[in-house]
Amino acid sequence: MSLILNILVFVQIVAAIAMVLLILMQHGKGADMGAAFGSGASGSLFGASGGANVLSRATAVLAAVFFICTLALAGLGNQGTRSSGSVLETSVLPSTAASGASASAVASSAAQAATSSAKTGIPNQ
């Protein structure tokens, strides 16, 4: 199971990085305006408009791979947590006897501190 999770995480990271790079390689719709006025920027590696189809399709495929990896990781991550009920039902509460004993211990130590400060005249800090 751990091997499958590691492979899925690796594929997801590679798909995300490749998708970012492909998106940055694409040019926007406003880039064609410069070519219309003779800037010459439209002559690229793939031709005037041939690169748009290749890059767009590759981006769509990588987006689908990323989406499938995300769903698979979410499904595999939720397999071990099949508990019913709420978190409060599974929490451990302290027993009343232990809390009563600790409360009486705190009260007795406070009473001893008060009597010792009354005898010496120096307030406790």
PDB file of N, CA and C in Angstrom:
ATOM      1  N   MET A   1       0.828  -1.196   0.000  1.00  0.00           N
ATOM      2  CA  MET A   1       0.000   0.000   0.000  1.00  0.00           C
ATOM      3  C   MET A   1       0.867   1.253   0.000  1.00  0.00           C
ATOM      4  N   SER A   2       1.955   1.208   0.744  1.00  0.00           N
ATOM      5  CA  SER A   2       2.830   2.369   0.822  1.00  0.00           C
ATOM      6  C   SER A   2       3.493   2.649  -0.524  1.00  0.00           C
ATOM      7  N   LEU A   3       3.815   1.592  -1.267  1.00  0.00           N
ATOM      8  CA  LEU A   3       4.430   1.758  -2.579  1.00  0.00           C
ATOM      9  C   LEU A   3       3.471   2.433  -3.547  1.00  0.00           C
ATOM     10  N   ILE A   4       2.206   2.045  -3.494  1.00  0.00           N
ATOM     11  CA  ILE A   4       1.207   2.661  -4.377  1.00  0.00           C
ATOM     12  C   ILE A   4       1.047   4.129  -4.038  1.00  0.00           C
ATOM     13  N   LEU A   5       0.997   4.453  -2.754  1.00  0.00           N
ATOM     14  CA  LEU A   5       0.868   5.856  -2.348  1.00  0.00           C
ATOM     15  C   LEU A   5       2.068   6.677  -2.800  1.00  0.00           C
ATOM     16  N   ASN A   6       3.263   6.118  -2.666  1.00  0.00           N
ATOM     17  CA  ASN A   6       4.461   6.839  -3.092  1.00  0.00           C
ATOM     18  C   ASN A   6       4.472   7.064  -4.595  1.00  0.00           C
ATOM     19  N   ILE A   7       4.053   6.065  -5.356  1.00  0.00           N
ATOM     20  CA  ILE A   7       4.000   6.216  -6.817  1.00  0.00           C
ATOM     21  C   ILE A   7       2.975   7.271  -7.204  1.00  0.00           C
ATOM     22  N   LEU A   8       1.814   7.245  -6.563  1.00  0.00           N
ATOM     23  CA  LEU A   8       0.780   8.240  -6.876  1.00  0.00           C
ATOM     24  C   LEU A   8       1.235   9.660  -6.534  1.00  0.00           C
ATOM     25  N   VAL A   9       1.906   9.812  -5.403  1.00  0.00           N
ATOM     26  CA  VAL A   9       2.405  11.140  -5.028  1.00  0.00           C
ATOM     27  C   VAL A   9       3.453  11.612  -6.030  1.00  0.00           C
ATOM     28  N   PHE A  10       4.336  10.717  -6.453  1.00  0.00           N
ATOM     29  CA  PHE A  10       5.367  11.076  -7.431  1.00  0.00           C
ATOM     30  C   PHE A  10       4.738  11.487  -8.758  1.00  0.00           C
ATOM     31  N   VAL A  11       3.770  10.714  -9.233  1.00  0.00           N
ATOM     32  CA  VAL A  11       3.102  11.047 -10.499  1.00  0.00           C
ATOM     33  C   VAL A  11       2.363  12.373 -10.372  1.00  0.00           C
ATOM     34  N   GLN A  12       1.750  12.618  -9.238  1.00  0.00           N
ATOM     35  CA  GLN A  12       1.018  13.871  -9.049  1.00  0.00           C
ATOM     36  C   GLN A  12       1.966  15.066  -9.050  1.00  0.00           C
ATOM     37  N   ILE A  13       3.111  14.945  -8.401  1.00  0.00           N
ATOM     38  CA  ILE A  13       4.077  16.050  -8.371  1.00  0.00           C
ATOM     39  C   ILE A  13       4.649  16.319  -9.760  1.00  0.00           C
ATOM     40  N   VAL A  14       4.988  15.249 -10.481  1.00  0.00           N
ATOM     41  CA  VAL A  14       5.520  15.418 -11.837  1.00  0.00           C
ATOM     42  C   VAL A  14       4.466  16.040 -12.749  1.00  0.00           C
ATOM     43  N   ALA A  15       3.217  15.597 -12.634  1.00  0.00           N
ATOM     44  CA  ALA A  15       2.146  16.160 -13.456  1.00  0.00           C
ATOM     45  C   ALA A  15       1.928  17.632 -13.121  1.00  0.00           C
ATOM     46  N   ALA A  16       2.007  17.996 -11.851  1.00  0.00           N
ATOM     47  CA  ALA A  16       1.805  19.395 -11.463  1.00  0.00           C
ATOM     48  C   ALA A  16       2.918  20.280 -12.007  1.00  0.00           C
ATOM     49  N   ILE A  17       4.159  19.833 -11.886  1.00  0.00           N
ATOM     50  CA  ILE A  17       5.282  20.643 -12.386  1.00  0.00           C
ATOM     51  C   ILE A  17       5.224  20.768 -13.907  1.00  0.00           C
ATOM     52  N   ALA A  18       4.931  19.661 -14.587  1.00  0.00           N
ATOM     53  CA  ALA A  18       4.839  19.708 -16.047  1.00  0.00           C
ATOM     54  C   ALA A  18       3.677  20.585 -16.498  1.00  0.00           C
ATOM     55  N   MET A  19       2.570  20.543 -15.769  1.00  0.00           N
ATOM     56  CA  MET A  19       1.418  21.371 -16.132  1.00  0.00           C
ATOM     57  C   MET A  19       1.742  22.851 -15.959  1.00  0.00           C
ATOM     58  N   VAL A  20       2.452  23.201 -14.911  1.00  0.00           N
ATOM     59  CA  VAL A  20       2.844  24.602 -14.713  1.00  0.00           C
ATOM     60  C   VAL A  20       3.756  25.054 -15.855  1.00  0.00           C
ATOM     61  N   LEU A  21       4.708  24.212 -16.208  1.00  0.00           N
ATOM     62  CA  LEU A  21       5.613  24.572 -17.303  1.00  0.00           C
ATOM     63  C   LEU A  21       4.879  24.708 -18.635  1.00  0.00           C
ATOM     64  N   LEU A  22       3.950  23.812 -18.910  1.00  0.00           N
ATOM     65  CA  LEU A  22       3.192  23.910 -20.155  1.00  0.00           C
ATOM     66  C   LEU A  22       2.309  25.151 -20.186  1.00  0.00           C
ATOM     67  N   ILE A  23       1.723  25.487 -19.078  1.00  0.00           N
ATOM     68  CA  ILE A  23       0.878  26.685 -19.035  1.00  0.00           C
ATOM     69  C   ILE A  23       1.717  27.941 -19.249  1.00  0.00           C
ATOM     70  N   LEU A  24       2.927  27.954 -18.671  1.00  0.00           N
ATOM     71  CA  LEU A  24       3.796  29.110 -18.865  1.00  0.00           C
ATOM     72  C   LEU A  24       4.322  29.207 -20.289  1.00  0.00           C
ATOM     73  N   MET A  25       4.424  28.078 -20.989  1.00  0.00           N
ATOM     74  CA  MET A  25       4.884  28.104 -22.380  1.00  0.00           C
ATOM     75  C   MET A  25       3.830  28.630 -23.337  1.00  0.00           C
ATOM     76  N   GLN A  26       2.565  28.511 -22.970  1.00  0.00           N
ATOM     77  CA  GLN A  26       1.488  28.960 -23.850  1.00  0.00           C
ATOM     78  C   GLN A  26       1.415  30.479 -23.848  1.00  0.00           C
ATOM     79  N   HIS A  27       0.987  31.013 -24.955  1.00  0.00           N
ATOM     80  CA  HIS A  27       0.824  32.469 -25.019  1.00  0.00           C
ATOM     81  C   HIS A  27      -0.659  32.797 -24.972  1.00  0.00           C
ATOM     82  N   GLY A  28      -0.949  33.960 -24.454  1.00  0.00           N
ATOM     83  CA  GLY A  28      -2.329  34.375 -24.296  1.00  0.00           C
ATOM     84  C   GLY A  28      -2.928  34.870 -25.600  1.00  0.00           C
ATOM     85  N   LYS A  29      -4.181  35.266 -25.537  1.00  0.00           N
ATOM     86  CA  LYS A  29      -4.876  35.748 -26.729  1.00  0.00           C
ATOM     87  C   LYS A  29      -4.356  37.109 -27.161  1.00  0.00           C
ATOM     88  N   GLY A  30      -3.818  37.873 -26.234  1.00  0.00           N
ATOM     89  CA  GLY A  30      -3.309  39.190 -26.572  1.00  0.00           C
ATOM     90  C   GLY A  30      -1.984  39.156 -27.309  1.00  0.00           C
ATOM     91  N   ALA A  31      -1.321  38.025 -27.343  1.00  0.00           N
ATOM     92  CA  ALA A  31      -0.025  37.924 -28.022  1.00  0.00           C
ATOM     93  C   ALA A  31      -0.179  38.000 -29.535  1.00  0.00           C
ATOM     94  N   ASP A  32      -1.327  37.646 -30.067  1.00  0.00           N
ATOM     95  CA  ASP A  32      -1.546  37.708 -31.512  1.00  0.00           C
ATOM     96  C   ASP A  32      -1.704  39.136 -32.004  1.00  0.00           C
ATOM     97  N   MET A  33      -2.055  40.036 -31.136  1.00  0.00           N
ATOM     98  CA  MET A  33      -2.198  41.438 -31.538  1.00  0.00           C
ATOM     99  C   MET A  33      -0.852  42.027 -31.941  1.00  0.00           C
ATOM    100  N   GLY A  34       0.211  41.655 -31.247  1.00  0.00           N
ATOM    101  CA  GLY A  34       1.535  42.158 -31.589  1.00  0.00           C
ATOM    102  C   GLY A  34       1.986  41.642 -32.939  1.00  0.00           C
ATOM    103  N   ALA A  35       1.622  40.420 -33.264  1.00  0.00           N
ATOM    104  CA  ALA A  35       2.008  39.855 -34.560  1.00  0.00           C
ATOM    105  C   ALA A  35       1.269  40.549 -35.690  1.00  0.00           C
ATOM    106  N   ALA A  36       0.067  41.016 -35.434  1.00  0.00           N
ATOM    107  CA  ALA A  36      -0.703  41.701 -36.476  1.00  0.00           C
ATOM    108  C   ALA A  36      -0.049  43.015 -36.862  1.00  0.00           C
ATOM    109  N   PHE A  37       0.676  43.642 -35.940  1.00  0.00           N
ATOM    110  CA  PHE A  37       1.328  44.918 -36.229  1.00  0.00           C
ATOM    111  C   PHE A  37       2.793  44.736 -36.614  1.00  0.00           C
ATOM    112  N   GLY A  38       3.216  43.510 -36.864  1.00  0.00           N
ATOM    113  CA  GLY A  38       4.546  43.277 -37.393  1.00  0.00           C
ATOM    114  C   GLY A  38       5.639  43.086 -36.374  1.00  0.00           C
ATOM    115  N   SER A  39       5.323  42.659 -35.176  1.00  0.00           N
ATOM    116  CA  SER A  39       6.393  42.469 -34.209  1.00  0.00           C
ATOM    117  C   SER A  39       7.153  41.173 -34.464  1.00  0.00           C
ATOM    118  N   GLY A  40       6.552  40.238 -35.181  1.00  0.00           N
ATOM    119  CA  GLY A  40       7.231  39.008 -35.528  1.00  0.00           C
ATOM    120  C   GLY A  40       7.271  37.983 -34.412  1.00  0.00           C
ATOM    121  N   ALA A  41       6.499  38.141 -33.397  1.00  0.00           N
ATOM    122  CA  ALA A  41       6.509  37.207 -32.280  1.00  0.00           C
ATOM    123  C   ALA A  41       5.714  35.955 -32.573  1.00  0.00           C
ATOM    124  N   SER A  42       4.957  35.936 -33.663  1.00  0.00           N
ATOM    125  CA  SER A  42       4.125  34.761 -33.923  1.00  0.00           C
ATOM    126  C   SER A  42       4.927  33.603 -34.499  1.00  0.00           C
ATOM    127  N   GLY A  43       6.106  33.828 -35.024  1.00  0.00           N
ATOM    128  CA  GLY A  43       6.919  32.745 -35.545  1.00  0.00           C
ATOM    129  C   GLY A  43       7.597  32.020 -34.401  1.00  0.00           C
ATOM    130  N   SER A  44       6.975  30.993 -33.883  1.00  0.00           N
ATOM    131  CA  SER A  44       7.508  30.286 -32.725  1.00  0.00           C
ATOM    132  C   SER A  44       7.993  28.911 -33.143  1.00  0.00           C
ATOM    133  N   LEU A  45       8.281  28.096 -32.173  1.00  0.00           N
ATOM    134  CA  LEU A  45       8.809  26.760 -32.417  1.00  0.00           C
ATOM    135  C   LEU A  45       7.811  25.882 -33.166  1.00  0.00           C
ATOM    136  N   PHE A  46       6.521  26.023 -32.861  1.00  0.00           N
ATOM    137  CA  PHE A  46       5.492  25.175 -33.471  1.00  0.00           C
ATOM    138  C   PHE A  46       4.815  25.840 -34.660  1.00  0.00           C
ATOM    139  N   GLY A  47       5.219  27.007 -35.055  1.00  0.00           N
ATOM    140  CA  GLY A  47       4.548  27.726 -36.128  1.00  0.00           C
ATOM    141  C   GLY A  47       3.626  28.780 -35.555  1.00  0.00           C
ATOM    142  N   ALA A  48       2.836  29.390 -36.410  1.00  0.00           N
ATOM    143  CA  ALA A  48       1.993  30.505 -35.984  1.00  0.00           C
ATOM    144  C   ALA A  48       0.894  30.067 -35.021  1.00  0.00           C
ATOM    145  N   SER A  49       0.208  28.974 -35.317  1.00  0.00           N
ATOM    146  CA  SER A  49      -0.859  28.540 -34.407  1.00  0.00           C
ATOM    147  C   SER A  49      -0.804  27.047 -34.118  1.00  0.00           C
ATOM    148  N   GLY A  50       0.176  26.351 -34.613  1.00  0.00           N
ATOM    149  CA  GLY A  50       0.267  24.913 -34.412  1.00  0.00           C
ATOM    150  C   GLY A  50       0.579  24.527 -32.985  1.00  0.00           C
ATOM    151  N   GLY A  51       1.270  25.371 -32.280  1.00  0.00           N
ATOM    152  CA  GLY A  51       1.632  25.055 -30.900  1.00  0.00           C
ATOM    153  C   GLY A  51       0.469  25.117 -29.947  1.00  0.00           C
ATOM    154  N   ALA A  52      -0.539  25.884 -30.277  1.00  0.00           N
ATOM    155  CA  ALA A  52      -1.674  26.035 -29.370  1.00  0.00           C
ATOM    156  C   ALA A  52      -2.391  24.699 -29.180  1.00  0.00           C
ATOM    157  N   ASN A  53      -2.556  23.946 -30.256  1.00  0.00           N
ATOM    158  CA  ASN A  53      -3.258  22.660 -30.134  1.00  0.00           C
ATOM    159  C   ASN A  53      -2.437  21.642 -29.355  1.00  0.00           C
ATOM    160  N   VAL A  54      -1.142  21.560 -29.633  1.00  0.00           N
ATOM    161  CA  VAL A  54      -0.293  20.580 -28.954  1.00  0.00           C
ATOM    162  C   VAL A  54      -0.191  20.902 -27.467  1.00  0.00           C
ATOM    163  N   LEU A  55       0.081  22.158 -27.156  1.00  0.00           N
ATOM    164  CA  LEU A  55       0.226  22.545 -25.750  1.00  0.00           C
ATOM    165  C   LEU A  55      -1.093  22.451 -24.998  1.00  0.00           C
ATOM    166  N   SER A  56      -2.181  22.803 -25.649  1.00  0.00           N
ATOM    167  CA  SER A  56      -3.491  22.734 -24.991  1.00  0.00           C
ATOM    168  C   SER A  56      -3.881  21.294 -24.704  1.00  0.00           C
ATOM    169  N   ARG A  57      -3.626  20.409 -25.650  1.00  0.00           N
ATOM    170  CA  ARG A  57      -3.965  18.999 -25.429  1.00  0.00           C
ATOM    171  C   ARG A  57      -3.084  18.384 -24.350  1.00  0.00           C
ATOM    172  N   ALA A  58      -1.807  18.703 -24.366  1.00  0.00           N
ATOM    173  CA  ALA A  58      -0.910  18.175 -23.338  1.00  0.00           C
ATOM    174  C   ALA A  58      -1.302  18.686 -21.955  1.00  0.00           C
ATOM    175  N   THR A  59      -1.720  19.950 -21.874  1.00  0.00           N
ATOM    176  CA  THR A  59      -2.165  20.502 -20.594  1.00  0.00           C
ATOM    177  C   THR A  59      -3.433  19.804 -20.118  1.00  0.00           C
ATOM    178  N   ALA A  60      -4.350  19.523 -21.041  1.00  0.00           N
ATOM    179  CA  ALA A  60      -5.587  18.841 -20.665  1.00  0.00           C
ATOM    180  C   ALA A  60      -5.305  17.419 -20.179  1.00  0.00           C
ATOM    181  N   VAL A  61      -4.376  16.714 -20.837  1.00  0.00           N
ATOM    182  CA  VAL A  61      -4.033  15.352 -20.410  1.00  0.00           C
ATOM    183  C   VAL A  61      -3.385  15.379 -19.030  1.00  0.00           C
ATOM    184  N   LEU A  62      -2.465  16.317 -18.814  1.00  0.00           N
ATOM    185  CA  LEU A  62      -1.809  16.413 -17.510  1.00  0.00           C
ATOM    186  C   LEU A  62      -2.795  16.815 -16.412  1.00  0.00           C
ATOM    187  N   ALA A  63      -3.755  17.656 -16.742  1.00  0.00           N
ATOM    188  CA  ALA A  63      -4.773  18.029 -15.754  1.00  0.00           C
ATOM    189  C   ALA A  63      -5.623  16.815 -15.377  1.00  0.00           C
ATOM    190  N   ALA A  64      -5.942  15.983 -16.368  1.00  0.00           N
ATOM    191  CA  ALA A  64      -6.713  14.763 -16.075  1.00  0.00           C
ATOM    192  C   ALA A  64      -5.902  13.796 -15.214  1.00  0.00           C
ATOM    193  N   VAL A  65      -4.614  13.641 -15.498  1.00  0.00           N
ATOM    194  CA  VAL A  65      -3.753  12.772 -14.689  1.00  0.00           C
ATOM    195  C   VAL A  65      -3.666  13.293 -13.260  1.00  0.00           C
ATOM    196  N   PHE A  66      -3.510  14.612 -13.113  1.00  0.00           N
ATOM    197  CA  PHE A  66      -3.429  15.223 -11.786  1.00  0.00           C
ATOM    198  C   PHE A  66      -4.732  15.003 -11.017  1.00  0.00           C
ATOM    199  N   PHE A  67      -5.864  15.160 -11.693  1.00  0.00           N
ATOM    200  CA  PHE A  67      -7.167  15.003 -11.051  1.00  0.00           C
ATOM    201  C   PHE A  67      -7.378  13.551 -10.621  1.00  0.00           C
ATOM    202  N   ILE A  68      -7.012  12.597 -11.466  1.00  0.00           N
ATOM    203  CA  ILE A  68      -7.174  11.184 -11.134  1.00  0.00           C
ATOM    204  C   ILE A  68      -6.270  10.797  -9.963  1.00  0.00           C
ATOM    205  N   CYS A  69      -5.036  11.306  -9.960  1.00  0.00           N
ATOM    206  CA  CYS A  69      -4.124  11.021  -8.836  1.00  0.00           C
ATOM    207  C   CYS A  69      -4.657  11.612  -7.538  1.00  0.00           C
ATOM    208  N   THR A  70      -5.227  12.802  -7.611  1.00  0.00           N
ATOM    209  CA  THR A  70      -5.788  13.429  -6.417  1.00  0.00           C
ATOM    210  C   THR A  70      -6.941  12.608  -5.854  1.00  0.00           C
ATOM    211  N   LEU A  71      -7.843  12.146  -6.727  1.00  0.00           N
ATOM    212  CA  LEU A  71      -8.965  11.330  -6.259  1.00  0.00           C
ATOM    213  C   LEU A  71      -8.488   9.986  -5.700  1.00  0.00           C
ATOM    214  N   ALA A  72      -7.492   9.388  -6.342  1.00  0.00           N
ATOM    215  CA  ALA A  72      -6.971   8.109  -5.855  1.00  0.00           C
ATOM    216  C   ALA A  72      -6.298   8.275  -4.494  1.00  0.00           C
ATOM    217  N   LEU A  73      -5.533   9.357  -4.317  1.00  0.00           N
ATOM    218  CA  LEU A  73      -4.888   9.595  -3.026  1.00  0.00           C
ATOM    219  C   LEU A  73      -5.913   9.867  -1.934  1.00  0.00           C
ATOM    220  N   ALA A  74      -6.968  10.586  -2.271  1.00  0.00           N
ATOM    221  CA  ALA A  74      -8.018  10.855  -1.280  1.00  0.00           C
ATOM    222  C   ALA A  74      -8.737   9.564  -0.900  1.00  0.00           C
ATOM    223  N   GLY A  75      -8.995   8.718  -1.871  1.00  0.00           N
ATOM    224  CA  GLY A  75      -9.662   7.449  -1.582  1.00  0.00           C
ATOM    225  C   GLY A  75      -8.795   6.511  -0.773  1.00  0.00           C
ATOM    226  N   LEU A  76      -7.516   6.415  -1.114  1.00  0.00           N
ATOM    227  CA  LEU A  76      -6.623   5.534  -0.378  1.00  0.00           C
ATOM    228  C   LEU A  76      -6.309   6.073   1.009  1.00  0.00           C
ATOM    229  N   GLY A  77      -6.319   7.377   1.162  1.00  0.00           N
ATOM    230  CA  GLY A  77      -6.047   7.972   2.468  1.00  0.00           C
ATOM    231  C   GLY A  77      -7.187   7.804   3.438  1.00  0.00           C
ATOM    232  N   ASN A  78      -8.395   7.622   2.941  1.00  0.00           N
ATOM    233  CA  ASN A  78      -9.576   7.486   3.803  1.00  0.00           C
ATOM    234  C   ASN A  78      -9.904   6.047   4.147  1.00  0.00           C
ATOM    235  N   GLN A  79      -9.171   5.070   3.648  1.00  0.00           N
ATOM    236  CA  GLN A  79      -9.520   3.673   3.891  1.00  0.00           C
ATOM    237  C   GLN A  79      -9.364   3.261   5.345  1.00  0.00           C
ATOM    238  N   GLY A  80      -8.384   3.780   6.052  1.00  0.00           N
ATOM    239  CA  GLY A  80      -8.140   3.359   7.426  1.00  0.00           C
ATOM    240  C   GLY A  80      -9.020   4.034   8.456  1.00  0.00           C
ATOM    241  N   THR A  81      -9.811   5.019   8.077  1.00  0.00           N
ATOM    242  CA  THR A  81     -10.599   5.786   9.051  1.00  0.00           C
ATOM    243  C   THR A  81     -12.085   5.508   8.867  1.00  0.00           C
ATOM    244  N   ARG A  82     -12.491   4.272   9.120  1.00  0.00           N
ATOM    245  CA  ARG A  82     -13.892   3.887   8.969  1.00  0.00           C
ATOM    246  C   ARG A  82     -14.569   3.784  10.341  1.00  0.00           C
ATOM    247  N   SER A  83     -14.536   4.828  11.121  1.00  0.00           N
ATOM    248  CA  SER A  83     -15.166   4.785  12.438  1.00  0.00           C
ATOM    249  C   SER A  83     -16.504   5.512  12.369  1.00  0.00           C
ATOM    250  N   SER A  84     -17.444   5.019  13.149  1.00  0.00           N
ATOM    251  CA  SER A  84     -18.743   5.674  13.201  1.00  0.00           C
ATOM    252  C   SER A  84     -18.847   6.456  14.495  1.00  0.00           C
ATOM    253  N   GLY A  85     -19.654   7.458  14.495  1.00  0.00           N
ATOM    254  CA  GLY A  85     -19.817   8.269  15.686  1.00  0.00           C
ATOM    255  C   GLY A  85     -18.933   9.497  15.638  1.00  0.00           C
ATOM    256  N   SER A  86     -18.910  10.204  16.725  1.00  0.00           N
ATOM    257  CA  SER A  86     -18.152  11.443  16.761  1.00  0.00           C
ATOM    258  C   SER A  86     -16.855  11.261  17.534  1.00  0.00           C
ATOM    259  N   VAL A  87     -16.029  12.257  17.500  1.00  0.00           N
ATOM    260  CA  VAL A  87     -14.762  12.235  18.213  1.00  0.00           C
ATOM    261  C   VAL A  87     -15.009  12.285  19.718  1.00  0.00           C
ATOM    262  N   LEU A  88     -16.055  12.964  20.124  1.00  0.00           N
ATOM    263  CA  LEU A  88     -16.348  13.090  21.547  1.00  0.00           C
ATOM    264  C   LEU A  88     -16.706  11.759  22.187  1.00  0.00           C
ATOM    265  N   GLU A  89     -17.264  10.839  21.392  1.00  0.00           N
ATOM    266  CA  GLU A  89     -17.611   9.544  21.941  1.00  0.00           C
ATOM    267  C   GLU A  89     -16.379   8.706  22.246  1.00  0.00           C
ATOM    268  N   THR A  90     -15.298   8.939  21.538  1.00  0.00           N
ATOM    269  CA  THR A  90     -14.086   8.144  21.739  1.00  0.00           C
ATOM    270  C   THR A  90     -13.097   8.800  22.691  1.00  0.00           C
ATOM    271  N   SER A  91     -13.364  10.015  23.145  1.00  0.00           N
ATOM    272  CA  SER A  91     -12.428  10.689  24.036  1.00  0.00           C
ATOM    273  C   SER A  91     -12.520  10.098  25.443  1.00  0.00           C
ATOM    274  N   VAL A  92     -11.414  10.162  26.157  1.00  0.00           N
ATOM    275  CA  VAL A  92     -11.342   9.605  27.513  1.00  0.00           C
ATOM    276  C   VAL A  92     -11.546  10.736  28.505  1.00  0.00           C
ATOM    277  N   LEU A  93     -12.530  10.582  29.363  1.00  0.00           N
ATOM    278  CA  LEU A  93     -12.812  11.581  30.385  1.00  0.00           C
ATOM    279  C   LEU A  93     -12.205  11.125  31.704  1.00  0.00           C
ATOM    280  N   PRO A  94     -11.704  12.054  32.521  1.00  0.00           N
ATOM    281  CA  PRO A  94     -11.174  11.658  33.830  1.00  0.00           C
ATOM    282  C   PRO A  94     -12.308  11.204  34.735  1.00  0.00           C
ATOM    283  N   SER A  95     -12.018  10.247  35.607  1.00  0.00           N
ATOM    284  CA  SER A  95     -13.064   9.740  36.490  1.00  0.00           C
ATOM    285  C   SER A  95     -13.391  10.787  37.557  1.00  0.00           C
ATOM    286  N   THR A  96     -14.585  10.718  38.087  1.00  0.00           N
ATOM    287  CA  THR A  96     -15.014  11.708  39.088  1.00  0.00           C
ATOM    288  C   THR A  96     -14.276  11.515  40.402  1.00  0.00           C
ATOM    289  N   ALA A  97     -13.894  10.289  40.728  1.00  0.00           N
ATOM    290  CA  ALA A  97     -13.171  10.056  41.986  1.00  0.00           C
ATOM    291  C   ALA A  97     -11.794  10.704  41.930  1.00  0.00           C
ATOM    292  N   ALA A  98     -11.138  10.587  40.795  1.00  0.00           N
ATOM    293  CA  ALA A  98      -9.802  11.172  40.658  1.00  0.00           C
ATOM    294  C   ALA A  98      -9.888  12.687  40.662  1.00  0.00           C
ATOM    295  N   SER A  99     -10.913  13.233  40.018  1.00  0.00           N
ATOM    296  CA  SER A  99     -11.021  14.688  39.996  1.00  0.00           C
ATOM    297  C   SER A  99     -11.416  15.228  41.375  1.00  0.00           C
ATOM    298  N   GLY A 100     -12.221  14.476  42.130  1.00  0.00           N
ATOM    299  CA  GLY A 100     -12.580  14.895  43.482  1.00  0.00           C
ATOM    300  C   GLY A 100     -11.386  14.873  44.405  1.00  0.00           C
ATOM    301  N   ALA A 101     -10.527  13.861  44.269  1.00  0.00           N
ATOM    302  CA  ALA A 101      -9.336  13.758  45.106  1.00  0.00           C
ATOM    303  C   ALA A 101      -8.362  14.881  44.794  1.00  0.00           C
ATOM    304  N   SER A 102      -8.205  15.195  43.519  1.00  0.00           N
ATOM    305  CA  SER A 102      -7.267  16.259  43.172  1.00  0.00           C
ATOM    306  C   SER A 102      -7.809  17.618  43.601  1.00  0.00           C
ATOM    307  N   ALA A 103      -9.117  17.791  43.565  1.00  0.00           N
ATOM    308  CA  ALA A 103      -9.691  19.057  44.001  1.00  0.00           C
ATOM    309  C   ALA A 103      -9.515  19.235  45.502  1.00  0.00           C
ATOM    310  N   SER A 104      -9.670  18.152  46.264  1.00  0.00           N
ATOM    311  CA  SER A 104      -9.496  18.279  47.712  1.00  0.00           C
ATOM    312  C   SER A 104      -8.030  18.506  48.064  1.00  0.00           C
ATOM    313  N   ALA A 105      -7.108  17.943  47.273  1.00  0.00           N
ATOM    314  CA  ALA A 105      -5.685  18.172  47.516  1.00  0.00           C
ATOM    315  C   ALA A 105      -5.329  19.628  47.252  1.00  0.00           C
ATOM    316  N   VAL A 106      -5.887  20.209  46.227  1.00  0.00           N
ATOM    317  CA  VAL A 106      -5.626  21.617  45.925  1.00  0.00           C
ATOM    318  C   VAL A 106      -6.208  22.501  47.018  1.00  0.00           C
ATOM    319  N   ALA A 107      -7.406  22.160  47.490  1.00  0.00           N
ATOM    320  CA  ALA A 107      -8.039  22.961  48.541  1.00  0.00           C
ATOM    321  C   ALA A 107      -7.246  22.893  49.839  1.00  0.00           C
ATOM    322  N   SER A 108      -6.735  21.705  50.192  1.00  0.00           N
ATOM    323  CA  SER A 108      -5.978  21.590  51.434  1.00  0.00           C
ATOM    324  C   SER A 108      -4.639  22.319  51.344  1.00  0.00           C
ATOM    325  N   SER A 109      -3.993  22.285  50.171  1.00  0.00           N
ATOM    326  CA  SER A 109      -2.721  23.008  50.042  1.00  0.00           C
ATOM    327  C   SER A 109      -2.956  24.518  50.075  1.00  0.00           C
ATOM    328  N   ALA A 110      -4.075  24.974  49.567  1.00  0.00           N
ATOM    329  CA  ALA A 110      -4.388  26.399  49.624  1.00  0.00           C
ATOM    330  C   ALA A 110      -4.672  26.822  51.058  1.00  0.00           C
ATOM    331  N   ALA A 111      -5.323  25.949  51.833  1.00  0.00           N
ATOM    332  CA  ALA A 111      -5.618  26.268  53.228  1.00  0.00           C
ATOM    333  C   ALA A 111      -4.339  26.315  54.047  1.00  0.00           C
ATOM    334  N   GLN A 112      -3.409  25.410  53.775  1.00  0.00           N
ATOM    335  CA  GLN A 112      -2.140  25.407  54.493  1.00  0.00           C
ATOM    336  C   GLN A 112      -1.338  26.667  54.159  1.00  0.00           C
ATOM    337  N   ALA A 113      -1.373  27.096  52.904  1.00  0.00           N
ATOM    338  CA  ALA A 113      -0.643  28.294  52.520  1.00  0.00           C
ATOM    339  C   ALA A 113      -1.244  29.525  53.184  1.00  0.00           C
ATOM    340  N   ALA A 114      -2.562  29.553  53.305  1.00  0.00           N
ATOM    341  CA  ALA A 114      -3.216  30.696  53.937  1.00  0.00           C
ATOM    342  C   ALA A 114      -2.876  30.769  55.421  1.00  0.00           C
ATOM    343  N   THR A 115      -2.845  29.628  56.103  1.00  0.00           N
ATOM    344  CA  THR A 115      -2.530  29.648  57.529  1.00  0.00           C
ATOM    345  C   THR A 115      -1.069  29.984  57.773  1.00  0.00           C
ATOM    346  N   SER A 116      -0.179  29.526  56.891  1.00  0.00           N
ATOM    347  CA  SER A 116       1.233  29.853  57.092  1.00  0.00           C
ATOM    348  C   SER A 116       1.504  31.335  56.842  1.00  0.00           C
ATOM    349  N   SER A 117       0.801  31.947  55.898  1.00  0.00           N
ATOM    350  CA  SER A 117       0.991  33.380  55.655  1.00  0.00           C
ATOM    351  C   SER A 117       0.375  34.202  56.778  1.00  0.00           C
ATOM    352  N   ALA A 118      -0.682  33.674  57.424  1.00  0.00           N
ATOM    353  CA  ALA A 118      -1.301  34.393  58.542  1.00  0.00           C
ATOM    354  C   ALA A 118      -0.378  34.350  59.766  1.00  0.00           C
ATOM    355  N   LYS A 119       0.352  33.255  59.954  1.00  0.00           N
ATOM    356  CA  LYS A 119       1.244  33.149  61.112  1.00  0.00           C
ATOM    357  C   LYS A 119       2.475  34.028  60.941  1.00  0.00           C
ATOM    358  N   THR A 120       3.033  34.074  59.748  1.00  0.00           N
ATOM    359  CA  THR A 120       4.261  34.834  59.534  1.00  0.00           C
ATOM    360  C   THR A 120       4.003  36.279  59.205  1.00  0.00           C
ATOM    361  N   GLY A 121       2.841  36.604  58.692  1.00  0.00           N
ATOM    362  CA  GLY A 121       2.542  37.967  58.310  1.00  0.00           C
ATOM    363  C   GLY A 121       3.075  38.328  56.922  1.00  0.00           C
ATOM    364  N   ILE A 122       3.685  37.368  56.249  1.00  0.00           N
ATOM    365  CA  ILE A 122       4.200  37.604  54.907  1.00  0.00           C
ATOM    366  C   ILE A 122       3.254  36.933  53.916  1.00  0.00           C
ATOM    367  N   PRO A 123       2.723  37.674  52.983  1.00  0.00           N
ATOM    368  CA  PRO A 123       1.780  37.067  52.026  1.00  0.00           C
ATOM    369  C   PRO A 123       2.526  36.123  51.067  1.00  0.00           C
ATOM    370  N   ASN A 124       1.862  35.038  50.707  1.00  0.00           N
ATOM    371  CA  ASN A 124       2.436  34.100  49.712  1.00  0.00           C
ATOM    372  C   ASN A 124       2.314  34.691  48.322  1.00  0.00           C
ATOM    373  N   GLN A 125       3.264  34.332  47.496  1.00  0.00           N
ATOM    374  CA  GLN A 125       3.233  34.864  46.120  1.00  0.00           C
ATOM    375  C   GLN A 125       3.102  33.754  45.132  1.00  0.00           C
TER     376      GLN A 125
END
